[in-house]
Protein backbone atom coordinates (compact mmCIF):
# COMPACT_ATOMS: atom_id res chain seq x y z
CA MET A 1 -104.89 -59.01 24.27
CA PRO A 2 -104.04 -62.51 25.71
CA LYS A 3 -106.40 -65.42 24.20
CA LEU A 4 -107.34 -69.06 24.67
CA TRP A 5 -107.08 -71.63 21.69
CA LYS A 6 -107.53 -74.99 20.95
CA LYS A 7 -107.06 -77.34 18.17
CA THR A 8 -110.13 -79.24 16.44
CA ARG A 9 -107.82 -81.88 14.82
CA ASP A 10 -104.03 -82.97 15.55
CA THR A 11 -102.59 -81.48 12.34
CA LYS A 12 -99.22 -79.82 12.07
CA ASP A 13 -100.50 -76.59 10.82
CA ASN A 14 -102.75 -73.96 12.43
CA THR A 15 -106.05 -74.34 10.25
CA ASP A 16 -107.75 -75.85 12.70
CA LEU A 17 -106.73 -73.74 15.59
CA GLN A 18 -110.12 -72.09 17.11
CA GLN A 19 -109.96 -69.24 19.53
CA VAL A 20 -112.05 -70.20 22.83
CA ASP A 21 -114.27 -68.21 24.58
CA LEU A 22 -113.22 -68.08 28.34
CA SER A 23 -116.81 -67.37 29.51
CA THR A 24 -118.16 -70.61 27.72
CA LEU A 25 -115.45 -72.67 28.68
CA ALA A 26 -116.56 -75.52 31.17
CA ILE A 27 -113.68 -77.87 32.33
CA ALA A 28 -115.59 -81.30 33.33
CA SER A 29 -112.55 -83.94 32.53
CA PRO A 30 -108.84 -84.00 32.64
CA THR A 31 -107.82 -80.53 31.18
CA VAL A 32 -104.09 -78.95 30.48
CA LEU A 33 -103.50 -75.52 29.98
CA PHE A 34 -100.39 -74.39 28.26
CA ILE A 35 -99.12 -70.93 29.15
CA SER A 36 -96.08 -70.48 26.96
CA GLY A 37 -93.27 -67.92 26.54
CA ARG A 38 -92.84 -64.87 24.86
CA GLU A 39 -93.21 -66.36 21.13
CA THR A 40 -96.62 -67.88 21.79
CA THR A 41 -98.09 -64.37 20.87
CA ASP A 42 -101.87 -63.54 19.48
CA LYS A 43 -100.71 -63.18 15.98
CA ASN A 44 -98.35 -66.31 16.30
CA LYS A 45 -100.60 -68.98 15.21
CA THR A 46 -97.95 -71.57 14.20
CA GLU A 47 -96.55 -71.67 17.52
CA ILE A 48 -99.88 -71.62 19.39
CA SER A 49 -100.79 -74.68 17.19
CA LYS A 50 -97.16 -76.33 18.03
CA SER A 51 -97.70 -75.88 22.05
CA ILE A 52 -100.80 -77.72 21.75
CA LEU A 53 -99.32 -80.38 19.76
CA PHE A 54 -96.15 -80.49 22.39
CA ILE A 55 -98.71 -81.24 25.14
CA LYS A 56 -100.50 -84.12 23.50
CA LYS A 57 -97.26 -85.61 21.75
CA LEU A 58 -96.10 -86.29 25.60
CA LEU A 59 -99.47 -88.01 26.13
CA LYS A 60 -100.16 -89.78 23.18
CA ASP A 61 -99.85 -93.66 23.18
CA GLN A 62 -99.09 -93.44 26.78
CA PRO A 63 -100.89 -96.83 28.43
CA GLU A 64 -101.44 -94.73 31.33
CA VAL A 65 -103.50 -92.03 29.67
CA SER A 66 -107.00 -93.90 28.72
CA SER A 67 -108.10 -90.55 26.60
CA MET A 68 -106.49 -87.64 25.62
CA PRO A 69 -107.32 -84.67 27.70
CA GLU A 70 -108.71 -81.56 26.82
CA VAL A 71 -105.54 -79.36 25.64
CA TYR A 72 -105.76 -75.67 25.61
CA SER A 73 -102.86 -72.97 24.98
CA TRP A 74 -102.87 -69.31 26.32
CA SER A 75 -101.26 -66.74 24.34
CA HIS A 76 -99.74 -63.47 24.75
CA SER A 77 -99.95 -60.08 23.50
CA ARG A 78 -96.81 -58.00 22.36
CA GLN A 79 -97.36 -55.10 24.59
CA LEU A 80 -94.62 -53.47 26.65
CA SER A 81 -96.24 -53.59 29.91
CA ARG A 82 -95.33 -57.15 30.06
CA ILE A 83 -91.84 -56.32 31.21
CA PHE A 84 -93.34 -54.12 34.07
CA ASN A 85 -95.75 -57.02 35.09
CA MET A 86 -92.55 -59.41 35.47
CA ALA A 87 -91.07 -56.58 37.63
CA ALA A 88 -93.99 -56.12 39.69
CA TYR A 89 -94.36 -60.02 40.19
CA HIS A 90 -90.92 -60.16 41.21
CA TYR A 91 -91.21 -57.69 43.73
CA PHE A 92 -94.66 -58.41 45.15
CA PRO A 93 -94.86 -62.17 44.40
CA ARG A 94 -97.44 -62.94 46.70
CA HIS A 95 -100.41 -60.25 45.51
CA ALA A 96 -99.30 -58.89 42.06
CA TYR A 97 -100.91 -59.97 38.88
CA ARG A 98 -101.77 -58.54 35.73
CA PRO A 99 -105.46 -58.06 34.22
CA SER A 100 -104.94 -60.80 31.76
CA ALA A 101 -104.19 -63.33 34.52
CA LYS A 102 -107.39 -62.20 36.56
CA LYS A 103 -109.23 -62.99 33.18
CA LEU A 104 -107.65 -66.46 33.03
CA ALA A 105 -108.33 -67.16 36.58
CA GLN A 106 -111.83 -66.02 36.00
CA GLY A 107 -112.52 -68.32 33.03
CA THR A 108 -110.65 -71.63 34.58
CA ILE A 109 -110.22 -71.69 38.41
CA MET A 110 -113.61 -69.57 39.35
CA PRO A 111 -116.04 -71.85 37.20
CA LEU A 112 -114.42 -74.90 39.15
CA VAL A 113 -115.31 -73.35 42.95
CA SER A 114 -118.43 -71.40 42.59
CA ASP A 115 -121.90 -71.90 41.14
CA ALA A 116 -123.85 -69.79 38.60
CA GLU A 117 -124.52 -67.14 41.29
CA GLY A 118 -121.24 -66.58 42.26
CA ASN A 119 -121.31 -68.50 45.88
CA PRO A 120 -118.95 -71.08 46.97
CA LEU A 121 -119.35 -74.48 46.10
CA PRO A 122 -119.24 -77.37 48.85
CA TYR A 123 -115.69 -77.97 49.65
CA ALA A 124 -115.40 -81.62 48.42
CA GLU A 125 -117.05 -80.58 45.04
CA ALA A 126 -114.84 -78.05 44.38
CA GLN A 127 -112.00 -80.01 45.30
CA GLU A 128 -113.10 -82.80 42.83
CA LYS A 129 -113.70 -80.45 40.14
CA LEU A 130 -110.00 -78.81 40.88
CA ARG A 131 -108.42 -81.94 40.13
CA ASN A 132 -109.53 -81.77 36.43
CA LEU A 133 -106.89 -79.07 35.88
CA THR A 134 -103.39 -79.41 35.27
CA LEU A 135 -101.44 -75.88 33.95
CA PHE A 136 -98.36 -76.41 32.12
CA GLY A 137 -95.91 -72.81 32.10
CA TYR A 138 -92.95 -72.34 29.98
CA SER A 139 -90.53 -69.78 30.57
CA ALA A 140 -92.87 -66.07 31.29
CA GLY A 141 -95.90 -68.69 31.28
CA SER A 142 -94.46 -69.85 34.89
CA LEU A 143 -94.61 -66.29 35.89
CA VAL A 144 -98.09 -66.04 34.48
CA ALA A 145 -99.47 -69.46 36.33
CA GLN A 146 -98.56 -67.82 39.60
CA GLU A 147 -100.25 -64.63 38.85
CA VAL A 148 -103.50 -66.72 38.14
CA PHE A 149 -102.94 -68.33 41.77
CA ASN A 150 -102.67 -64.50 43.37
CA ALA A 151 -105.90 -63.59 41.57
CA SER A 152 -107.35 -67.00 42.21
CA MET A 153 -106.88 -66.48 45.92
CA LYS A 154 -108.43 -62.67 45.81
CA MET A 155 -111.51 -63.48 44.15
CA MET A 156 -112.24 -66.71 46.12
CA LYS A 157 -111.91 -64.45 49.60
CA LYS A 158 -114.27 -62.17 47.81
CA ILE A 159 -116.52 -64.72 47.72
CA GLY A 160 -116.75 -66.16 51.07
CA TYR A 161 -113.77 -68.55 51.17
CA LYS A 162 -111.44 -68.41 54.28
CA PRO A 163 -107.94 -67.63 53.16
CA GLU A 164 -107.02 -71.25 54.47
CA GLU A 165 -109.78 -73.00 52.76
CA ALA A 166 -108.94 -71.46 49.49
CA ARG A 167 -105.38 -72.27 49.39
CA LYS A 168 -105.81 -75.37 50.45
CA LEU A 169 -108.28 -76.03 47.34
CA LEU A 170 -106.07 -74.56 45.12
CA GLN A 171 -103.59 -77.05 45.96
CA GLU A 172 -105.71 -79.67 43.77
CA VAL A 173 -104.59 -77.84 40.57
CA VAL A 174 -101.08 -79.14 39.44
CA LEU A 175 -98.48 -76.82 38.13
CA ILE A 176 -95.51 -77.64 36.13
CA THR A 177 -93.13 -75.13 34.95
CA ILE A 178 -89.82 -75.60 32.78
CA GLY A 179 -87.58 -72.79 32.11
CA THR A 180 -88.96 -71.42 35.13
CA ILE A 181 -88.72 -67.27 35.56
CA SER A 182 -90.99 -67.06 38.27
CA ARG A 183 -89.86 -67.07 41.76
CA PRO A 184 -89.89 -70.68 43.16
CA THR A 185 -88.55 -70.21 46.39
CA LYS A 186 -91.07 -67.44 47.50
CA GLU A 187 -93.90 -69.15 46.16
CA GLU A 188 -95.02 -71.33 49.20
CA ASN A 189 -97.87 -73.62 49.35
CA ARG A 190 -99.61 -72.58 45.98
CA PHE A 191 -100.75 -75.15 43.51
CA THR A 192 -99.15 -78.47 43.67
CA THR A 193 -96.11 -77.46 41.77
CA ILE A 194 -92.80 -78.89 40.14
CA SER A 195 -90.59 -76.35 38.61
CA LEU A 196 -87.46 -76.82 36.58
CA ALA A 197 -84.84 -74.57 36.22
CA ASN A 198 -81.29 -75.37 34.53
CA SER A 199 -78.62 -73.52 36.23
CA ASP A 200 -76.86 -72.96 32.62
CA ASP A 201 -80.32 -71.44 31.31
CA TRP A 202 -79.40 -68.03 30.01
CA PHE A 203 -82.91 -66.81 30.58
CA VAL A 204 -83.09 -68.16 33.91
CA ARG A 205 -79.64 -66.71 34.80
CA ALA A 206 -80.27 -63.16 33.19
CA LYS A 207 -83.95 -62.88 35.44
CA ASN A 208 -81.92 -63.91 38.59
CA ARG A 209 -79.09 -60.96 37.85
CA LEU A 210 -81.82 -58.46 36.81
CA MET A 211 -84.73 -59.08 39.42
CA HIS A 212 -83.03 -60.25 42.68
CA PRO A 213 -79.07 -60.36 42.21
CA PHE A 214 -78.69 -61.33 45.54
CA GLN A 215 -81.02 -64.33 46.27
CA ARG A 216 -80.52 -66.62 43.65
CA ILE A 217 -81.57 -70.10 43.12
CA PHE A 218 -78.54 -71.81 41.98
CA SER A 219 -74.68 -72.00 43.39
CA ARG A 220 -72.00 -71.82 41.31
CA ALA A 221 -71.41 -75.82 41.65
CA ALA A 222 -75.54 -76.41 41.09
CA ARG A 223 -74.68 -78.69 37.92
CA GLN A 224 -75.69 -82.34 39.48
CA LEU A 225 -79.40 -82.92 39.42
CA LYS A 226 -81.06 -81.91 42.67
CA ILE A 227 -84.53 -81.96 43.78
CA ARG A 228 -85.44 -79.36 46.80
CA GLN A 229 -88.59 -78.83 48.75
CA VAL A 230 -89.24 -75.38 48.75
CA SER A 231 -92.61 -75.56 50.47
CA ASP A 232 -95.09 -78.38 51.58
CA ASN A 233 -96.71 -78.70 47.97
CA SER A 234 -93.85 -77.43 45.59
CA LEU A 235 -90.39 -78.87 44.56
CA LEU A 236 -87.85 -77.13 42.45
CA VAL A 237 -85.34 -79.48 40.50
CA THR A 238 -81.99 -77.82 39.36
CA ALA A 239 -79.46 -79.39 37.14
CA ALA A 240 -77.14 -78.24 34.29
CA ALA A 241 -78.74 -79.05 30.79
CA ARG A 242 -74.78 -79.47 29.68
CA GLY A 243 -74.03 -81.41 33.01
CA ARG A 244 -74.17 -84.99 31.30
CA ILE A 245 -72.36 -84.06 28.20
CA ARG A 246 -69.21 -85.60 27.19
CA ASP A 247 -68.41 -85.69 23.50
CA ARG A 248 -70.03 -82.57 22.04
CA LYS A 249 -68.74 -83.98 18.56
CA LYS A 250 -71.96 -86.41 18.83
CA GLU A 251 -74.47 -86.06 16.32
CA PRO A 252 -77.83 -85.11 17.44
CA ILE A 253 -79.62 -87.73 19.38
CA GLU A 254 -83.47 -88.15 19.44
CA ILE A 255 -85.14 -88.04 22.51
CA ILE A 256 -88.91 -88.11 22.04
CA GLU A 257 -90.39 -88.58 18.38
CA ASN A 258 -89.32 -85.79 15.95
CA VAL A 259 -87.20 -83.85 18.53
CA ARG A 260 -83.52 -83.89 18.73
CA LEU A 261 -81.01 -82.55 20.95
CA PRO A 262 -78.58 -80.14 19.16
CA ARG A 263 -74.50 -80.30 19.10
CA TRP A 264 -73.88 -78.13 22.36
CA SER A 265 -72.09 -75.22 22.01
CA LEU A 266 -71.63 -71.66 24.00
CA SER A 267 -74.37 -69.99 21.65
CA SER A 268 -77.02 -72.45 23.04
CA SER A 269 -79.25 -70.81 25.57
CA ASN A 270 -80.24 -74.04 27.12
CA HIS A 271 -83.86 -72.44 27.49
CA GLU A 272 -85.27 -74.45 25.02
CA ALA A 273 -88.30 -77.05 25.81
CA ARG A 274 -86.14 -79.70 24.62
CA ASP A 275 -83.73 -78.89 27.33
CA TYR A 276 -85.98 -79.79 29.70
CA VAL A 277 -88.52 -82.19 28.14
CA ASN A 278 -86.83 -85.24 26.83
CA ASN A 279 -86.34 -89.11 27.45
CA ASP A 280 -82.65 -89.25 26.98
CA ASP A 281 -81.25 -91.09 29.99
CA GLN A 282 -77.79 -90.83 28.52
CA HIS A 283 -77.50 -87.14 28.25
CA SER A 284 -80.01 -85.38 29.95
CA GLN A 285 -80.06 -85.14 34.04
CA VAL A 286 -83.92 -84.22 33.55
CA SER A 287 -84.99 -87.16 31.43
CA ARG A 288 -88.43 -88.36 31.82
CA ILE A 289 -88.90 -86.05 34.90
CA VAL A 290 -91.76 -84.05 32.88
CA SER A 291 -93.37 -86.52 31.17
CA HIS A 292 -94.16 -88.68 34.14
CA ALA A 293 -95.06 -85.81 36.31
CA LEU A 294 -97.55 -84.79 33.42
CA ILE A 295 -99.01 -88.41 32.83
CA ASN A 296 -99.32 -88.40 37.03
CA ALA A 297 -100.89 -85.00 36.85
CA VAL A 298 -103.73 -85.79 34.21
CA THR A 299 -104.64 -89.30 35.44
CA ARG A 300 -104.95 -88.29 39.38
CA LYS A 301 -107.62 -89.16 41.01
CA THR A 302 -106.98 -88.12 44.69
CA THR A 303 -104.52 -85.53 46.11
CA LEU A 304 -101.05 -85.54 45.08
CA THR A 305 -98.01 -84.41 46.49
CA PRO A 306 -95.27 -83.36 44.29
CA SER A 307 -93.24 -86.34 45.10
CA GLN A 308 -95.77 -89.06 43.82
CA LEU A 309 -95.89 -86.82 40.73
CA LEU A 310 -92.29 -87.61 40.40
CA GLU A 311 -92.98 -91.50 40.60
CA PRO A 312 -92.28 -93.51 37.49
CA VAL A 313 -95.18 -94.29 35.28
CA ALA A 314 -96.42 -98.19 35.31
CA SER A 315 -95.10 -98.51 31.69
CA LEU A 316 -91.68 -98.12 32.54
CA GLU A 317 -90.17 -101.19 33.68
CA GLY A 318 -86.94 -102.79 33.93
CA GLU A 319 -83.58 -101.19 34.17
CA GLN A 320 -85.13 -98.10 33.13
CA ARG A 321 -87.19 -97.85 35.71
CA ALA A 322 -84.76 -98.74 37.95
CA LEU A 323 -82.25 -96.20 36.87
CA TYR A 324 -84.90 -93.44 36.96
CA GLN A 325 -86.04 -94.09 40.36
CA SER A 326 -82.47 -94.11 41.51
CA ARG A 327 -81.68 -90.57 39.88
CA ILE A 328 -84.74 -88.99 41.39
CA ALA A 329 -83.71 -90.22 45.07
CA LYS A 330 -80.14 -89.32 44.75
CA ALA A 331 -81.35 -86.02 43.45
CA GLN A 332 -83.66 -85.79 46.62
CA GLY A 333 -80.85 -87.04 49.37
CA ILE A 334 -82.60 -90.36 49.72
CA LYS A 335 -81.20 -93.58 50.03
CA LEU A 336 -82.61 -96.51 48.39
CA PRO A 337 -82.82 -100.01 49.94
CA VAL A 338 -80.40 -102.37 48.36
CA SER A 339 -82.31 -105.14 46.55
């Protein structure tokens, strides 16, 4: 059965990993919930531990982050039913959710929008509380996060929220997904969302061919970075992981501390986290996008748009800042003023 986990210390092993009782979870400060892919299973505590450290590494020593947010990881079971859950969601993306997604929504979203008796909170109070929650979905986790939205909508309406009111409130939650295998172009006006999908990510392409072969999110020429607004509060970021690689014989390059790009080859899946999360401006088209979005998310005090999540953080200065802004603007089809 899927579980929620946290680490009591920032050790590299899993000796300090603790299971969290969802019924006792109280989100009262900036919190990141990592929902990972197939390897982060209930029994694979090493991967669970790594997933938490992955988020913390992105936020550690960042000047904008005054204190480390609470970071949790959601694990998966190895049940065959997950395949059927994926199929159900892809055919009914507006309504489908698995029991574990409902359980997660009950433990994270519902306490932020209802009181102890299960009554709706005043709108402004619920709005402020929901701003503490940031979801980070990787691979299959991107689909689970969307199921959490579907379950939350249903439960919020059941306790008395009007549909448009519930949807508006849930936009206060930020969702960042990488290696996205949900359906970004069908997921309109949900959480405030930034989805990243490499056009040469084998898992993403396989999902497209299997689940909806006639409505793929990539064109054959989708190699250059493109940022497309797919709803009022969601952006889809597409690029080729190998689109900027010129010399495949170069040695691996460190992109964030202790994480190095591999030598690219046909055997690479382009689905690993490092294909989406790095600071390698020379070789990666999506360099810095995820880290800036995550920092902006956990430090937000007001409602942010997806474009505001992509803005460079204050500590990025000089030429690096100008190059990042230029790359993002070009990908959105925006012409920056000449300085």
